[in-house]
PDB file of N, CA and C in Angstrom:
ATOM      1  N   UNK A   1      -9.583  -3.763 -39.428  1.00  0.00           N
ATOM      2  CA  UNK A   1     -10.431  -2.909 -38.631  1.00  0.00           C
ATOM      3  C   UNK A   1      -9.828  -2.801 -37.230  1.00  0.00           C
ATOM      4  N   UNK A   2      -9.755  -1.583 -36.720  1.00  0.00           N
ATOM      5  CA  UNK A   2      -9.227  -1.356 -35.375  1.00  0.00           C
ATOM      6  C   UNK A   2     -10.377  -1.032 -34.434  1.00  0.00           C
ATOM      7  N   UNK A   3     -10.219  -1.430 -33.199  1.00  0.00           N
ATOM      8  CA  UNK A   3     -11.295  -1.215 -32.233  1.00  0.00           C
ATOM      9  C   UNK A   3     -11.450   0.247 -31.848  1.00  0.00           C
ATOM     10  N   UNK A   4     -10.381   1.023 -31.896  1.00  0.00           N
ATOM     11  CA  UNK A   4     -10.505   2.406 -31.468  1.00  0.00           C
ATOM     12  C   UNK A   4     -11.201   3.284 -32.509  1.00  0.00           C
ATOM     13  N   UNK A   5     -11.542   2.730 -33.670  1.00  0.00           N
ATOM     14  CA  UNK A   5     -12.317   3.485 -34.648  1.00  0.00           C
ATOM     15  C   UNK A   5     -13.730   3.737 -34.150  1.00  0.00           C
ATOM     16  N   UNK A   6     -14.236   2.862 -33.277  1.00  0.00           N
ATOM     17  CA  UNK A   6     -15.603   2.970 -32.792  1.00  0.00           C
ATOM     18  C   UNK A   6     -15.689   3.664 -31.434  1.00  0.00           C
ATOM     19  N   UNK A   7     -14.573   4.101 -30.902  1.00  0.00           N
ATOM     20  CA  UNK A   7     -14.562   4.725 -29.578  1.00  0.00           C
ATOM     21  C   UNK A   7     -14.969   6.191 -29.674  1.00  0.00           C
ATOM     22  N   UNK A   8     -15.848   6.599 -28.793  1.00  0.00           N
ATOM     23  CA  UNK A   8     -16.265   7.991 -28.719  1.00  0.00           C
ATOM     24  C   UNK A   8     -16.202   8.423 -27.262  1.00  0.00           C
ATOM     25  N   UNK A   9     -15.381   9.418 -26.920  1.00  0.00           N
ATOM     26  CA  UNK A   9     -15.280   9.848 -25.522  1.00  0.00           C
ATOM     27  C   UNK A   9     -16.588  10.382 -24.951  1.00  0.00           C
ATOM     28  N   UNK A  10     -17.444  10.932 -25.805  1.00  0.00           N
ATOM     29  CA  UNK A  10     -18.723  11.453 -25.322  1.00  0.00           C
ATOM     30  C   UNK A  10     -19.634  10.340 -24.813  1.00  0.00           C
ATOM     31  N   UNK A  11     -19.489   9.164 -25.389  1.00  0.00           N
ATOM     32  CA  UNK A  11     -20.337   8.036 -25.000  1.00  0.00           C
ATOM     33  C   UNK A  11     -19.703   7.166 -23.925  1.00  0.00           C
ATOM     34  N   UNK A  12     -18.529   7.516 -23.489  1.00  0.00           N
ATOM     35  CA  UNK A  12     -17.825   6.718 -22.490  1.00  0.00           C
ATOM     36  C   UNK A  12     -18.380   7.039 -21.104  1.00  0.00           C
ATOM     37  N   UNK A  13     -19.110   6.107 -20.538  1.00  0.00           N
ATOM     38  CA  UNK A  13     -19.714   6.305 -19.219  1.00  0.00           C
ATOM     39  C   UNK A  13     -19.044   5.429 -18.162  1.00  0.00           C
ATOM     40  N   UNK A  14     -17.964   4.784 -18.537  1.00  0.00           N
ATOM     41  CA  UNK A  14     -17.294   3.862 -17.613  1.00  0.00           C
ATOM     42  C   UNK A  14     -16.709   4.588 -16.405  1.00  0.00           C
ATOM     43  N   UNK A  15     -16.125   5.749 -16.594  1.00  0.00           N
ATOM     44  CA  UNK A  15     -15.448   6.432 -15.503  1.00  0.00           C
ATOM     45  C   UNK A  15     -16.347   7.437 -14.788  1.00  0.00           C
ATOM     46  N   UNK A  16     -17.518   7.704 -15.336  1.00  0.00           N
ATOM     47  CA  UNK A  16     -18.414   8.680 -14.715  1.00  0.00           C
ATOM     48  C   UNK A  16     -19.184   8.014 -13.585  1.00  0.00           C
ATOM     49  N   UNK A  17     -19.228   8.686 -12.455  1.00  0.00           N
ATOM     50  CA  UNK A  17     -19.936   8.150 -11.294  1.00  0.00           C
ATOM     51  C   UNK A  17     -20.987   9.147 -10.857  1.00  0.00           C
ATOM     52  N   UNK A  18     -22.036   8.648 -10.283  1.00  0.00           N
ATOM     53  CA  UNK A  18     -23.101   9.506  -9.771  1.00  0.00           C
ATOM     54  C   UNK A  18     -23.112   9.443  -8.254  1.00  0.00           C
ATOM     55  N   UNK A  19     -23.905  10.293  -7.652  1.00  0.00           N
ATOM     56  CA  UNK A  19     -24.016  10.312  -6.191  1.00  0.00           C
ATOM     57  C   UNK A  19     -24.660   9.021  -5.691  1.00  0.00           C
ATOM     58  N   UNK A  20     -25.578   8.468  -6.469  1.00  0.00           N
ATOM     59  CA  UNK A  20     -26.275   7.256  -6.058  1.00  0.00           C
ATOM     60  C   UNK A  20     -25.433   6.001  -6.258  1.00  0.00           C
ATOM     61  N   UNK A  21     -24.319   6.100  -6.911  1.00  0.00           N
ATOM     62  CA  UNK A  21     -23.477   4.939  -7.171  1.00  0.00           C
ATOM     63  C   UNK A  21     -22.757   4.534  -5.886  1.00  0.00           C
ATOM     64  N   UNK A  22     -23.060   3.352  -5.381  1.00  0.00           N
ATOM     65  CA  UNK A  22     -22.485   2.903  -4.109  1.00  0.00           C
ATOM     66  C   UNK A  22     -21.356   1.898  -4.294  1.00  0.00           C
ATOM     67  N   UNK A  23     -21.021   1.593  -5.535  1.00  0.00           N
ATOM     68  CA  UNK A  23     -19.949   0.633  -5.773  1.00  0.00           C
ATOM     69  C   UNK A  23     -18.596   1.257  -5.447  1.00  0.00           C
ATOM     70  N   UNK A  24     -17.643   0.429  -5.133  1.00  0.00           N
ATOM     71  CA  UNK A  24     -16.291   0.910  -4.870  1.00  0.00           C
ATOM     72  C   UNK A  24     -15.642   1.340  -6.177  1.00  0.00           C
ATOM     73  N   UNK A  25     -14.820   2.368  -6.092  1.00  0.00           N
ATOM     74  CA  UNK A  25     -14.095   2.836  -7.267  1.00  0.00           C
ATOM     75  C   UNK A  25     -12.970   1.862  -7.592  1.00  0.00           C
ATOM     76  N   UNK A  26     -12.647   1.747  -8.854  1.00  0.00           N
ATOM     77  CA  UNK A  26     -11.550   0.876  -9.254  1.00  0.00           C
ATOM     78  C   UNK A  26     -10.237   1.593  -9.011  1.00  0.00           C
ATOM     79  N   UNK A  27      -9.257   0.843  -8.566  1.00  0.00           N
ATOM     80  CA  UNK A  27      -7.941   1.413  -8.326  1.00  0.00           C
ATOM     81  C   UNK A  27      -7.153   1.446  -9.626  1.00  0.00           C
ATOM     82  N   UNK A  28      -6.473   2.557  -9.844  1.00  0.00           N
ATOM     83  CA  UNK A  28      -5.634   2.660 -11.032  1.00  0.00           C
ATOM     84  C   UNK A  28      -4.271   2.038 -10.732  1.00  0.00           C
ATOM     85  N   UNK A  29      -3.485   1.830 -11.774  1.00  0.00           N
ATOM     86  CA  UNK A  29      -2.161   1.252 -11.580  1.00  0.00           C
ATOM     87  C   UNK A  29      -1.266   2.169 -10.759  1.00  0.00           C
ATOM     88  N   UNK A  30      -1.400   3.475 -10.939  1.00  0.00           N
ATOM     89  CA  UNK A  30      -0.580   4.399 -10.147  1.00  0.00           C
ATOM     90  C   UNK A  30      -0.967   4.339  -8.671  1.00  0.00           C
ATOM     91  N   UNK A  31      -2.262   4.205  -8.378  1.00  0.00           N
ATOM     92  CA  UNK A  31      -2.690   4.075  -6.981  1.00  0.00           C
ATOM     93  C   UNK A  31      -2.186   2.774  -6.375  1.00  0.00           C
ATOM     94  N   UNK A  32      -2.232   1.693  -7.152  1.00  0.00           N
ATOM     95  CA  UNK A  32      -1.716   0.413  -6.667  1.00  0.00           C
ATOM     96  C   UNK A  32      -0.219   0.487  -6.404  1.00  0.00           C
ATOM     97  N   UNK A  33       0.507   1.205  -7.253  1.00  0.00           N
ATOM     98  CA  UNK A  33       1.947   1.359  -7.076  1.00  0.00           C
ATOM     99  C   UNK A  33       2.244   2.149  -5.802  1.00  0.00           C
ATOM    100  N   UNK A  34       1.464   3.197  -5.547  1.00  0.00           N
ATOM    101  CA  UNK A  34       1.648   3.974  -4.314  1.00  0.00           C
ATOM    102  C   UNK A  34       1.377   3.118  -3.086  1.00  0.00           C
ATOM    103  N   UNK A  35       0.343   2.296  -3.138  1.00  0.00           N
ATOM    104  CA  UNK A  35       0.032   1.413  -2.015  1.00  0.00           C
ATOM    105  C   UNK A  35       1.145   0.395  -1.786  1.00  0.00           C
ATOM    106  N   UNK A  36       1.727  -0.135  -2.873  1.00  0.00           N
ATOM    107  CA  UNK A  36       2.827  -1.086  -2.735  1.00  0.00           C
ATOM    108  C   UNK A  36       4.032  -0.430  -2.092  1.00  0.00           C
ATOM    109  N   UNK A  37       4.361   0.797  -2.533  1.00  0.00           N
ATOM    110  CA  UNK A  37       5.495   1.514  -1.953  1.00  0.00           C
ATOM    111  C   UNK A  37       5.252   1.820  -0.481  1.00  0.00           C
ATOM    112  N   UNK A  38       4.025   2.200  -0.138  1.00  0.00           N
ATOM    113  CA  UNK A  38       3.687   2.473   1.257  1.00  0.00           C
ATOM    114  C   UNK A  38       3.822   1.203   2.100  1.00  0.00           C
ATOM    115  N   UNK A  39       3.357   0.067   1.571  1.00  0.00           N
ATOM    116  CA  UNK A  39       3.469  -1.203   2.293  1.00  0.00           C
ATOM    117  C   UNK A  39       4.929  -1.589   2.489  1.00  0.00           C
ATOM    118  N   UNK A  40       5.757  -1.391   1.458  1.00  0.00           N
ATOM    119  CA  UNK A  40       7.184  -1.697   1.578  1.00  0.00           C
ATOM    120  C   UNK A  40       7.853  -0.806   2.614  1.00  0.00           C
ATOM    121  N   UNK A  41       7.491   0.470   2.634  1.00  0.00           N
ATOM    122  CA  UNK A  41       8.059   1.403   3.601  1.00  0.00           C
ATOM    123  C   UNK A  41       7.675   1.010   5.025  1.00  0.00           C
ATOM    124  N   UNK A  42       6.404   0.649   5.232  1.00  0.00           N
ATOM    125  CA  UNK A  42       5.961   0.237   6.564  1.00  0.00           C
ATOM    126  C   UNK A  42       6.671  -1.046   7.001  1.00  0.00           C
ATOM    127  N   UNK A  43       6.929  -1.945   6.073  1.00  0.00           N
ATOM    128  CA  UNK A  43       7.625  -3.185   6.403  1.00  0.00           C
ATOM    129  C   UNK A  43       9.053  -2.894   6.857  1.00  0.00           C
ATOM    130  N   UNK A  44       9.746  -1.983   6.169  1.00  0.00           N
ATOM    131  CA  UNK A  44      11.110  -1.617   6.544  1.00  0.00           C
ATOM    132  C   UNK A  44      11.116  -0.944   7.920  1.00  0.00           C
ATOM    133  N   UNK A  45      10.141  -0.044   8.160  1.00  0.00           N
ATOM    134  CA  UNK A  45      10.054   0.614   9.466  1.00  0.00           C
ATOM    135  C   UNK A  45       9.797  -0.403  10.575  1.00  0.00           C
ATOM    136  N   UNK A  46       8.973  -1.393  10.301  1.00  0.00           N
ATOM    137  CA  UNK A  46       8.670  -2.415  11.297  1.00  0.00           C
ATOM    138  C   UNK A  46       9.907  -3.243  11.625  1.00  0.00           C
ATOM    139  N   UNK A  47      10.714  -3.566  10.633  1.00  0.00           N
ATOM    140  CA  UNK A  47      11.954  -4.320  10.849  1.00  0.00           C
ATOM    141  C   UNK A  47      12.930  -3.497  11.685  1.00  0.00           C
ATOM    142  N   UNK A  48      13.082  -2.205  11.350  1.00  0.00           N
ATOM    143  CA  UNK A  48      13.988  -1.341  12.118  1.00  0.00           C
ATOM    144  C   UNK A  48      13.510  -1.186  13.557  1.00  0.00           C
ATOM    145  N   UNK A  49      12.200  -1.076  13.762  1.00  0.00           N
ATOM    146  CA  UNK A  49      11.664  -0.948  15.118  1.00  0.00           C
ATOM    147  C   UNK A  49      11.906  -2.237  15.909  1.00  0.00           C
ATOM    148  N   UNK A  50      11.768  -3.383  15.261  1.00  0.00           N
ATOM    149  CA  UNK A  50      12.012  -4.658  15.938  1.00  0.00           C
ATOM    150  C   UNK A  50      13.474  -4.767  16.358  1.00  0.00           C
ATOM    151  N   UNK A  51      14.406  -4.314  15.515  1.00  0.00           N
ATOM    152  CA  UNK A  51      15.828  -4.322  15.872  1.00  0.00           C
ATOM    153  C   UNK A  51      16.082  -3.412  17.068  1.00  0.00           C
ATOM    154  N   UNK A  52      15.470  -2.233  17.064  1.00  0.00           N
ATOM    155  CA  UNK A  52      15.640  -1.274  18.160  1.00  0.00           C
ATOM    156  C   UNK A  52      15.121  -1.851  19.469  1.00  0.00           C
ATOM    157  N   UNK A  53      13.950  -2.478  19.422  1.00  0.00           N
ATOM    158  CA  UNK A  53      13.368  -3.059  20.640  1.00  0.00           C
ATOM    159  C   UNK A  53      14.225  -4.196  21.143  1.00  0.00           C
ATOM    160  N   UNK A  54      14.768  -5.019  20.233  1.00  0.00           N
ATOM    161  CA  UNK A  54      15.646  -6.120  20.643  1.00  0.00           C
ATOM    162  C   UNK A  54      16.884  -5.601  21.366  1.00  0.00           C
ATOM    163  N   UNK A  55      17.496  -4.529  20.846  1.00  0.00           N
ATOM    164  CA  UNK A  55      18.693  -3.995  21.510  1.00  0.00           C
ATOM    165  C   UNK A  55      18.334  -3.290  22.814  1.00  0.00           C
ATOM    166  N   UNK A  56      17.174  -2.662  22.866  1.00  0.00           N
ATOM    167  CA  UNK A  56      16.790  -1.944  24.079  1.00  0.00           C
ATOM    168  C   UNK A  56      16.526  -2.910  25.233  1.00  0.00           C
ATOM    169  N   UNK A  57      15.876  -4.025  24.956  1.00  0.00           N
ATOM    170  CA  UNK A  57      15.486  -4.945  26.021  1.00  0.00           C
ATOM    171  C   UNK A  57      16.391  -6.176  26.113  1.00  0.00           C
ATOM    172  N   UNK A  58      17.510  -6.185  25.431  1.00  0.00           N
ATOM    173  CA  UNK A  58      18.400  -7.341  25.501  1.00  0.00           C
ATOM    174  C   UNK A  58      19.185  -7.317  26.812  1.00  0.00           C
ATOM    175  N   UNK A  59      19.706  -8.480  27.181  1.00  0.00           N
ATOM    176  CA  UNK A  59      20.514  -8.584  28.394  1.00  0.00           C
ATOM    177  C   UNK A  59      21.855  -7.907  28.155  1.00  0.00           C
ATOM    178  N   UNK A  60      22.331  -7.126  29.088  1.00  0.00           N
ATOM    179  CA  UNK A  60      23.649  -6.516  28.925  1.00  0.00           C
ATOM    180  C   UNK A  60      24.739  -7.617  28.876  1.00  0.00           C
ATOM    181  N   UNK A  61      25.741  -7.380  28.092  1.00  0.00           N
ATOM    182  CA  UNK A  61      26.808  -8.363  27.940  1.00  0.00           C
ATOM    183  C   UNK A  61      27.631  -8.454  29.217  1.00  0.00           C
ATOM    184  N   UNK A  62      27.973  -9.645  29.629  1.00  0.00           N
ATOM    185  CA  UNK A  62      28.836  -9.849  30.782  1.00  0.00           C
ATOM    186  C   UNK A  62      28.109 -10.010  32.097  1.00  0.00           C
ATOM    187  N   UNK A  63      26.859  -9.697  32.174  1.00  0.00           N
ATOM    188  CA  UNK A  63      26.120  -9.849  33.424  1.00  0.00           C
ATOM    189  C   UNK A  63      25.311 -11.129  33.388  1.00  0.00           C
ATOM    190  N   UNK A  64      25.212 -11.770  34.568  1.00  0.00           N
ATOM    191  CA  UNK A  64      24.387 -12.969  34.668  1.00  0.00           C
ATOM    192  C   UNK A  64      23.030 -12.563  35.197  1.00  0.00           C
ATOM    193  N   UNK A  65      21.989 -13.163  34.713  1.00  0.00           N
ATOM    194  CA  UNK A  65      20.660 -12.810  35.201  1.00  0.00           C
ATOM    195  C   UNK A  65      20.451 -13.268  36.634  1.00  0.00           C
ATOM    196  N   UNK A  66      19.781 -12.430  37.415  1.00  0.00           N
ATOM    197  CA  UNK A  66      19.496 -12.762  38.822  1.00  0.00           C
ATOM    198  C   UNK A  66      18.318 -13.722  38.870  1.00  0.00           C
ATOM    199  N   UNK A  67      18.489 -14.756  39.698  1.00  0.00           N
ATOM    200  CA  UNK A  67      17.428 -15.778  39.806  1.00  0.00           C
ATOM    201  C   UNK A  67      16.632 -15.576  41.046  1.00  0.00           C
TER     202      UNK A  67
END
């Protein structure tokens, strides 16, 4: 016996939401994948920005700092 023999799309109320439903929607795997890619992209941008700031505010080579 297979479980999908008893499945009926007309009776499937799992994905249907009403206006009164205040629960959070479940995230699909594709949405989770998009969020992961976005997080990875932001992490790379943050690393590049940190490198840029380090070079912008670093001490010039050959000069001694004034005391």
